[in-house]
Amino acid sequence: MSLLSQSIKEASSKTFYEMEKYSQLVIDLIDEIEDSNLDNLESRGALIYEIENVLEIIDPKRIDDIKVLTDLKLALRRN
């Protein structure tokens, strides 16, 4: 399993089992990432852009949301 796949699986698991800690926007975005073609660099770039936009507008008190999105963004960029 690649590092990216592992990061996505961890994020999905966190948001599923601890749903009350995450906003619906983040849960939906992680679902979108799971369903995306991550082998396509253009698709991956679009997801990074979307995550960056969410991170710009998200309430800074939503620490769990910010952490999971930042981790996913880094994983998408690395791989």
PDB file of N, CA and C in Angstrom:
ATOM      1  N   MET A   1       0.857  -1.178   0.000  1.00  0.00           N
ATOM      2  CA  MET A   1       0.000   0.000   0.000  1.00  0.00           C
ATOM      3  C   MET A   1       0.900   1.237   0.000  1.00  0.00           C
ATOM      4  N   SER A   2       0.606   2.167  -0.886  1.00  0.00           N
ATOM      5  CA  SER A   2       1.411   3.385  -0.972  1.00  0.00           C
ATOM      6  C   SER A   2       1.127   4.303   0.213  1.00  0.00           C
ATOM      7  N   LEU A   3       2.025   5.233   0.417  1.00  0.00           N
ATOM      8  CA  LEU A   3       1.867   6.202   1.496  1.00  0.00           C
ATOM      9  C   LEU A   3       0.594   7.023   1.297  1.00  0.00           C
ATOM     10  N   LEU A   4       0.310   7.383   0.048  1.00  0.00           N
ATOM     11  CA  LEU A   4      -0.898   8.144  -0.247  1.00  0.00           C
ATOM     12  C   LEU A   4      -2.148   7.336   0.092  1.00  0.00           C
ATOM     13  N   SER A   5      -2.188   6.085  -0.338  1.00  0.00           N
ATOM     14  CA  SER A   5      -3.340   5.227  -0.039  1.00  0.00           C
ATOM     15  C   SER A   5      -3.521   5.052   1.463  1.00  0.00           C
ATOM     16  N   GLN A   6      -2.409   4.895   2.162  1.00  0.00           N
ATOM     17  CA  GLN A   6      -2.461   4.745   3.610  1.00  0.00           C
ATOM     18  C   GLN A   6      -2.991   6.024   4.267  1.00  0.00           C
ATOM     19  N   SER A   7      -2.539   7.188   3.794  1.00  0.00           N
ATOM     20  CA  SER A   7      -2.998   8.465   4.351  1.00  0.00           C
ATOM     21  C   SER A   7      -4.501   8.653   4.132  1.00  0.00           C
ATOM     22  N   ILE A   8      -4.962   8.293   2.949  1.00  0.00           N
ATOM     23  CA  ILE A   8      -6.388   8.417   2.639  1.00  0.00           C
ATOM     24  C   ILE A   8      -7.193   7.458   3.502  1.00  0.00           C
ATOM     25  N   LYS A   9      -6.709   6.244   3.642  1.00  0.00           N
ATOM     26  CA  LYS A   9      -7.405   5.243   4.465  1.00  0.00           C
ATOM     27  C   LYS A   9      -7.499   5.706   5.926  1.00  0.00           C
ATOM     28  N   GLU A  10      -6.414   6.264   6.453  1.00  0.00           N
ATOM     29  CA  GLU A  10      -6.414   6.770   7.827  1.00  0.00           C
ATOM     30  C   GLU A  10      -7.399   7.925   7.990  1.00  0.00           C
ATOM     31  N   ALA A  11      -7.398   8.853   7.043  1.00  0.00           N
ATOM     32  CA  ALA A  11      -8.313   9.996   7.104  1.00  0.00           C
ATOM     33  C   ALA A  11      -9.761   9.535   7.029  1.00  0.00           C
ATOM     34  N   SER A  12     -10.021   8.591   6.156  1.00  0.00           N
ATOM     35  CA  SER A  12     -11.369   8.063   6.007  1.00  0.00           C
ATOM     36  C   SER A  12     -11.834   7.377   7.288  1.00  0.00           C
ATOM     37  N   SER A  13     -10.958   6.603   7.862  1.00  0.00           N
ATOM     38  CA  SER A  13     -11.278   5.902   9.101  1.00  0.00           C
ATOM     39  C   SER A  13     -11.558   6.885  10.243  1.00  0.00           C
ATOM     40  N   LYS A  14     -10.695   7.894  10.369  1.00  0.00           N
ATOM     41  CA  LYS A  14     -10.884   8.907  11.416  1.00  0.00           C
ATOM     42  C   LYS A  14     -12.239   9.591  11.269  1.00  0.00           C
ATOM     43  N   THR A  15     -12.539  10.042  10.054  1.00  0.00           N
ATOM     44  CA  THR A  15     -13.780  10.792   9.859  1.00  0.00           C
ATOM     45  C   THR A  15     -15.007   9.903   9.987  1.00  0.00           C
ATOM     46  N   PHE A  16     -14.865   8.624   9.715  1.00  0.00           N
ATOM     47  CA  PHE A  16     -16.004   7.721   9.849  1.00  0.00           C
ATOM     48  C   PHE A  16     -16.269   7.373  11.316  1.00  0.00           C
ATOM     49  N   TYR A  17     -15.220   7.006  12.030  1.00  0.00           N
ATOM     50  CA  TYR A  17     -15.395   6.547  13.404  1.00  0.00           C
ATOM     51  C   TYR A  17     -15.490   7.674  14.427  1.00  0.00           C
ATOM     52  N   GLU A  18     -15.070   8.858  14.049  1.00  0.00           N
ATOM     53  CA  GLU A  18     -15.141  10.008  14.951  1.00  0.00           C
ATOM     54  C   GLU A  18     -15.845  11.170  14.252  1.00  0.00           C
ATOM     55  N   MET A  19     -16.947  10.872  13.600  1.00  0.00           N
ATOM     56  CA  MET A  19     -17.662  11.832  12.782  1.00  0.00           C
ATOM     57  C   MET A  19     -17.991  13.145  13.493  1.00  0.00           C
ATOM     58  N   GLU A  20     -18.250  13.054  14.781  1.00  0.00           N
ATOM     59  CA  GLU A  20     -18.645  14.250  15.528  1.00  0.00           C
ATOM     60  C   GLU A  20     -17.523  15.289  15.598  1.00  0.00           C
ATOM     61  N   LYS A  21     -16.294  14.893  15.341  1.00  0.00           N
ATOM     62  CA  LYS A  21     -15.149  15.811  15.397  1.00  0.00           C
ATOM     63  C   LYS A  21     -14.927  16.563  14.090  1.00  0.00           C
ATOM     64  N   TYR A  22     -15.582  16.143  13.009  1.00  0.00           N
ATOM     65  CA  TYR A  22     -15.301  16.678  11.683  1.00  0.00           C
ATOM     66  C   TYR A  22     -16.536  17.321  11.074  1.00  0.00           C
ATOM     67  N   SER A  23     -16.300  18.369  10.288  1.00  0.00           N
ATOM     68  CA  SER A  23     -17.410  19.031   9.600  1.00  0.00           C
ATOM     69  C   SER A  23     -17.842  18.179   8.409  1.00  0.00           C
ATOM     70  N   GLN A  24     -19.068  18.382   7.983  1.00  0.00           N
ATOM     71  CA  GLN A  24     -19.596  17.630   6.845  1.00  0.00           C
ATOM     72  C   GLN A  24     -18.806  17.948   5.578  1.00  0.00           C
ATOM     73  N   LEU A  25     -18.327  19.164   5.464  1.00  0.00           N
ATOM     74  CA  LEU A  25     -17.518  19.564   4.313  1.00  0.00           C
ATOM     75  C   LEU A  25     -16.267  18.691   4.195  1.00  0.00           C
ATOM     76  N   VAL A  26     -15.602  18.459   5.296  1.00  0.00           N
ATOM     77  CA  VAL A  26     -14.382  17.644   5.303  1.00  0.00           C
ATOM     78  C   VAL A  26     -14.717  16.176   5.032  1.00  0.00           C
ATOM     79  N   ILE A  27     -15.773  15.679   5.615  1.00  0.00           N
ATOM     80  CA  ILE A  27     -16.185  14.288   5.376  1.00  0.00           C
ATOM     81  C   ILE A  27     -16.482  14.081   3.891  1.00  0.00           C
ATOM     82  N   ASP A  28     -17.203  15.019   3.280  1.00  0.00           N
ATOM     83  CA  ASP A  28     -17.519  14.921   1.852  1.00  0.00           C
ATOM     84  C   ASP A  28     -16.268  15.021   0.990  1.00  0.00           C
ATOM     85  N   LEU A  29     -15.343  15.885   1.372  1.00  0.00           N
ATOM     86  CA  LEU A  29     -14.113  16.038   0.606  1.00  0.00           C
ATOM     87  C   LEU A  29     -13.270  14.762   0.654  1.00  0.00           C
ATOM     88  N   ILE A  30     -13.213  14.130   1.791  1.00  0.00           N
ATOM     89  CA  ILE A  30     -12.470  12.867   1.903  1.00  0.00           C
ATOM     90  C   ILE A  30     -13.136  11.782   1.068  1.00  0.00           C
ATOM     91  N   ASP A  31     -14.464  11.754   1.042  1.00  0.00           N
ATOM     92  CA  ASP A  31     -15.173  10.804   0.169  1.00  0.00           C
ATOM     93  C   ASP A  31     -14.818  11.060  -1.293  1.00  0.00           C
ATOM     94  N   GLU A  32     -14.753  12.333  -1.667  1.00  0.00           N
ATOM     95  CA  GLU A  32     -14.398  12.697  -3.040  1.00  0.00           C
ATOM     96  C   GLU A  32     -12.977  12.226  -3.373  1.00  0.00           C
ATOM     97  N   ILE A  33     -12.062  12.410  -2.439  1.00  0.00           N
ATOM     98  CA  ILE A  33     -10.679  11.985  -2.650  1.00  0.00           C
ATOM     99  C   ILE A  33     -10.608  10.467  -2.820  1.00  0.00           C
ATOM    100  N   GLU A  34     -11.364   9.732  -2.015  1.00  0.00           N
ATOM    101  CA  GLU A  34     -11.379   8.263  -2.119  1.00  0.00           C
ATOM    102  C   GLU A  34     -11.861   7.799  -3.495  1.00  0.00           C
ATOM    103  N   ASP A  35     -12.797   8.547  -4.075  1.00  0.00           N
ATOM    104  CA  ASP A  35     -13.379   8.160  -5.357  1.00  0.00           C
ATOM    105  C   ASP A  35     -12.623   8.710  -6.561  1.00  0.00           C
ATOM    106  N   SER A  36     -11.554   9.472  -6.331  1.00  0.00           N
ATOM    107  CA  SER A  36     -10.822  10.118  -7.413  1.00  0.00           C
ATOM    108  C   SER A  36      -9.771   9.203  -8.024  1.00  0.00           C
ATOM    109  N   ASN A  37      -9.390   9.539  -9.241  1.00  0.00           N
ATOM    110  CA  ASN A  37      -8.299   8.839  -9.926  1.00  0.00           C
ATOM    111  C   ASN A  37      -6.993   9.511  -9.508  1.00  0.00           C
ATOM    112  N   LEU A  38      -6.341   8.955  -8.520  1.00  0.00           N
ATOM    113  CA  LEU A  38      -5.144   9.578  -7.970  1.00  0.00           C
ATOM    114  C   LEU A  38      -3.897   9.313  -8.807  1.00  0.00           C
ATOM    115  N   ASP A  39      -4.012   8.480  -9.823  1.00  0.00           N
ATOM    116  CA  ASP A  39      -2.896   8.259 -10.745  1.00  0.00           C
ATOM    117  C   ASP A  39      -2.770   9.411 -11.735  1.00  0.00           C
ATOM    118  N   ASN A  40      -3.847  10.157 -11.900  1.00  0.00           N
ATOM    119  CA  ASN A  40      -3.885  11.297 -12.809  1.00  0.00           C
ATOM    120  C   ASN A  40      -3.380  12.542 -12.068  1.00  0.00           C
ATOM    121  N   LEU A  41      -2.267  13.108 -12.536  1.00  0.00           N
ATOM    122  CA  LEU A  41      -1.680  14.269 -11.865  1.00  0.00           C
ATOM    123  C   LEU A  41      -2.602  15.479 -11.889  1.00  0.00           C
ATOM    124  N   GLU A  42      -3.356  15.635 -12.953  1.00  0.00           N
ATOM    125  CA  GLU A  42      -4.292  16.758 -13.051  1.00  0.00           C
ATOM    126  C   GLU A  42      -5.398  16.635 -12.001  1.00  0.00           C
ATOM    127  N   SER A  43      -5.895  15.439 -11.824  1.00  0.00           N
ATOM    128  CA  SER A  43      -6.923  15.179 -10.810  1.00  0.00           C
ATOM    129  C   SER A  43      -6.373  15.436  -9.417  1.00  0.00           C
ATOM    130  N   ARG A  44      -5.156  14.990  -9.187  1.00  0.00           N
ATOM    131  CA  ARG A  44      -4.514  15.192  -7.897  1.00  0.00           C
ATOM    132  C   ARG A  44      -4.303  16.686  -7.627  1.00  0.00           C
ATOM    133  N   GLY A  45      -3.880  17.425  -8.650  1.00  0.00           N
ATOM    134  CA  GLY A  45      -3.694  18.871  -8.519  1.00  0.00           C
ATOM    135  C   GLY A  45      -4.998  19.580  -8.193  1.00  0.00           C
ATOM    136  N   ALA A  46      -6.082  19.132  -8.810  1.00  0.00           N
ATOM    137  CA  ALA A  46      -7.393  19.720  -8.533  1.00  0.00           C
ATOM    138  C   ALA A  46      -7.808  19.471  -7.087  1.00  0.00           C
ATOM    139  N   LEU A  47      -7.511  18.300  -6.576  1.00  0.00           N
ATOM    140  CA  LEU A  47      -7.835  17.987  -5.178  1.00  0.00           C
ATOM    141  C   LEU A  47      -7.011  18.841  -4.216  1.00  0.00           C
ATOM    142  N   ILE A  48      -5.743  19.027  -4.520  1.00  0.00           N
ATOM    143  CA  ILE A  48      -4.889  19.881  -3.685  1.00  0.00           C
ATOM    144  C   ILE A  48      -5.440  21.304  -3.672  1.00  0.00           C
ATOM    145  N   TYR A  49      -5.827  21.795  -4.838  1.00  0.00           N
ATOM    146  CA  TYR A  49      -6.398  23.136  -4.954  1.00  0.00           C
ATOM    147  C   TYR A  49      -7.677  23.254  -4.119  1.00  0.00           C
ATOM    148  N   GLU A  50      -8.520  22.250  -4.194  1.00  0.00           N
ATOM    149  CA  GLU A  50      -9.766  22.249  -3.428  1.00  0.00           C
ATOM    150  C   GLU A  50      -9.491  22.249  -1.919  1.00  0.00           C
ATOM    151  N   ILE A  51      -8.534  21.440  -1.498  1.00  0.00           N
ATOM    152  CA  ILE A  51      -8.170  21.394  -0.076  1.00  0.00           C
ATOM    153  C   ILE A  51      -7.632  22.746   0.373  1.00  0.00           C
ATOM    154  N   GLU A  52      -6.774  23.354  -0.439  1.00  0.00           N
ATOM    155  CA  GLU A  52      -6.217  24.656  -0.085  1.00  0.00           C
ATOM    156  C   GLU A  52      -7.316  25.704   0.061  1.00  0.00           C
ATOM    157  N   ASN A  53      -8.306  25.662  -0.818  1.00  0.00           N
ATOM    158  CA  ASN A  53      -9.429  26.607  -0.724  1.00  0.00           C
ATOM    159  C   ASN A  53     -10.222  26.412   0.562  1.00  0.00           C
ATOM    160  N   VAL A  54     -10.463  25.171   0.925  1.00  0.00           N
ATOM    161  CA  VAL A  54     -11.184  24.885   2.168  1.00  0.00           C
ATOM    162  C   VAL A  54     -10.362  25.352   3.363  1.00  0.00           C
ATOM    163  N   LEU A  55      -9.063  25.118   3.337  1.00  0.00           N
ATOM    164  CA  LEU A  55      -8.207  25.532   4.450  1.00  0.00           C
ATOM    165  C   LEU A  55      -8.183  27.051   4.618  1.00  0.00           C
ATOM    166  N   GLU A  56      -8.385  27.781   3.528  1.00  0.00           N
ATOM    167  CA  GLU A  56      -8.411  29.242   3.613  1.00  0.00           C
ATOM    168  C   GLU A  56      -9.656  29.770   4.312  1.00  0.00           C
ATOM    169  N   ILE A  57     -10.759  29.067   4.181  1.00  0.00           N
ATOM    170  CA  ILE A  57     -12.026  29.588   4.712  1.00  0.00           C
ATOM    171  C   ILE A  57     -12.490  28.904   5.994  1.00  0.00           C
ATOM    172  N   ILE A  58     -11.842  27.827   6.372  1.00  0.00           N
ATOM    173  CA  ILE A  58     -12.305  27.043   7.514  1.00  0.00           C
ATOM    174  C   ILE A  58     -12.061  27.798   8.828  1.00  0.00           C
ATOM    175  N   ASP A  59     -12.945  27.609   9.748  1.00  0.00           N
ATOM    176  CA  ASP A  59     -12.824  28.210  11.077  1.00  0.00           C
ATOM    177  C   ASP A  59     -11.553  27.672  11.743  1.00  0.00           C
ATOM    178  N   PRO A  60     -10.652  28.555  12.180  1.00  0.00           N
ATOM    179  CA  PRO A  60      -9.396  28.106  12.788  1.00  0.00           C
ATOM    180  C   PRO A  60      -9.582  27.259  14.049  1.00  0.00           C
ATOM    181  N   LYS A  61     -10.759  27.280  14.624  1.00  0.00           N
ATOM    182  CA  LYS A  61     -11.025  26.458  15.808  1.00  0.00           C
ATOM    183  C   LYS A  61     -11.281  24.996  15.449  1.00  0.00           C
ATOM    184  N   ARG A  62     -11.462  24.713  14.179  1.00  0.00           N
ATOM    185  CA  ARG A  62     -11.736  23.344  13.718  1.00  0.00           C
ATOM    186  C   ARG A  62     -10.406  22.613  13.517  1.00  0.00           C
ATOM    187  N   ILE A  63      -9.722  22.390  14.616  1.00  0.00           N
ATOM    188  CA  ILE A  63      -8.369  21.840  14.607  1.00  0.00           C
ATOM    189  C   ILE A  63      -8.314  20.466  13.945  1.00  0.00           C
ATOM    190  N   ASP A  64      -9.271  19.614  14.224  1.00  0.00           N
ATOM    191  CA  ASP A  64      -9.270  18.266  13.643  1.00  0.00           C
ATOM    192  C   ASP A  64      -9.433  18.319  12.127  1.00  0.00           C
ATOM    193  N   ASP A  65     -10.332  19.185  11.667  1.00  0.00           N
ATOM    194  CA  ASP A  65     -10.523  19.352  10.218  1.00  0.00           C
ATOM    195  C   ASP A  65      -9.233  19.832   9.557  1.00  0.00           C
ATOM    196  N   ILE A  66      -8.618  20.835  10.137  1.00  0.00           N
ATOM    197  CA  ILE A  66      -7.398  21.412   9.573  1.00  0.00           C
ATOM    198  C   ILE A  66      -6.279  20.381   9.532  1.00  0.00           C
ATOM    199  N   LYS A  67      -6.136  19.613  10.592  1.00  0.00           N
ATOM    200  CA  LYS A  67      -5.073  18.601  10.667  1.00  0.00           C
ATOM    201  C   LYS A  67      -5.249  17.535   9.590  1.00  0.00           C
ATOM    202  N   VAL A  68      -6.436  16.996   9.461  1.00  0.00           N
ATOM    203  CA  VAL A  68      -6.650  15.919   8.490  1.00  0.00           C
ATOM    204  C   VAL A  68      -6.489  16.445   7.062  1.00  0.00           C
ATOM    205  N   LEU A  69      -6.956  17.658   6.777  1.00  0.00           N
ATOM    206  CA  LEU A  69      -6.810  18.212   5.435  1.00  0.00           C
ATOM    207  C   LEU A  69      -5.359  18.539   5.115  1.00  0.00           C
ATOM    208  N   THR A  70      -4.630  19.066   6.076  1.00  0.00           N
ATOM    209  CA  THR A  70      -3.221  19.376   5.869  1.00  0.00           C
ATOM    210  C   THR A  70      -2.427  18.099   5.604  1.00  0.00           C
ATOM    211  N   ASP A  71      -2.713  17.056   6.359  1.00  0.00           N
ATOM    212  CA  ASP A  71      -2.036  15.770   6.154  1.00  0.00           C
ATOM    213  C   ASP A  71      -2.326  15.206   4.765  1.00  0.00           C
ATOM    214  N   LEU A  72      -3.579  15.300   4.334  1.00  0.00           N
ATOM    215  CA  LEU A  72      -3.939  14.801   3.006  1.00  0.00           C
ATOM    216  C   LEU A  72      -3.283  15.620   1.901  1.00  0.00           C
ATOM    217  N   LYS A  73      -3.245  16.928   2.076  1.00  0.00           N
ATOM    218  CA  LYS A  73      -2.615  17.789   1.082  1.00  0.00           C
ATOM    219  C   LYS A  73      -1.141  17.431   0.926  1.00  0.00           C
ATOM    220  N   LEU A  74      -0.457  17.230   2.027  1.00  0.00           N
ATOM    221  CA  LEU A  74       0.958  16.859   1.987  1.00  0.00           C
ATOM    222  C   LEU A  74       1.145  15.495   1.320  1.00  0.00           C
ATOM    223  N   ALA A  75       0.279  14.556   1.630  1.00  0.00           N
ATOM    224  CA  ALA A  75       0.369  13.215   1.025  1.00  0.00           C
ATOM    225  C   ALA A  75       0.131  13.291  -0.490  1.00  0.00           C
ATOM    226  N   LEU A  76      -0.821  14.098  -0.916  1.00  0.00           N
ATOM    227  CA  LEU A  76      -1.097  14.244  -2.344  1.00  0.00           C
ATOM    228  C   LEU A  76       0.088  14.880  -3.061  1.00  0.00           C
ATOM    229  N   ARG A  77       0.749  15.799  -2.424  1.00  0.00           N
ATOM    230  CA  ARG A  77       1.910  16.466  -3.048  1.00  0.00           C
ATOM    231  C   ARG A  77       3.130  15.552  -3.115  1.00  0.00           C
ATOM    232  N   ARG A  78       3.334  14.743  -2.107  1.00  0.00           N
ATOM    233  CA  ARG A  78       4.531  13.888  -2.035  1.00  0.00           C
ATOM    234  C   ARG A  78       4.522  12.783  -3.067  1.00  0.00           C
ATOM    235  N   ASN A  79       3.372  12.266  -3.336  1.00  0.00           N
ATOM    236  CA  ASN A  79       3.298  11.071  -4.191  1.00  0.00           C
ATOM    237  C   ASN A  79       2.945  11.404  -5.608  1.00  0.00           C
TER     238      ASN A  79
END
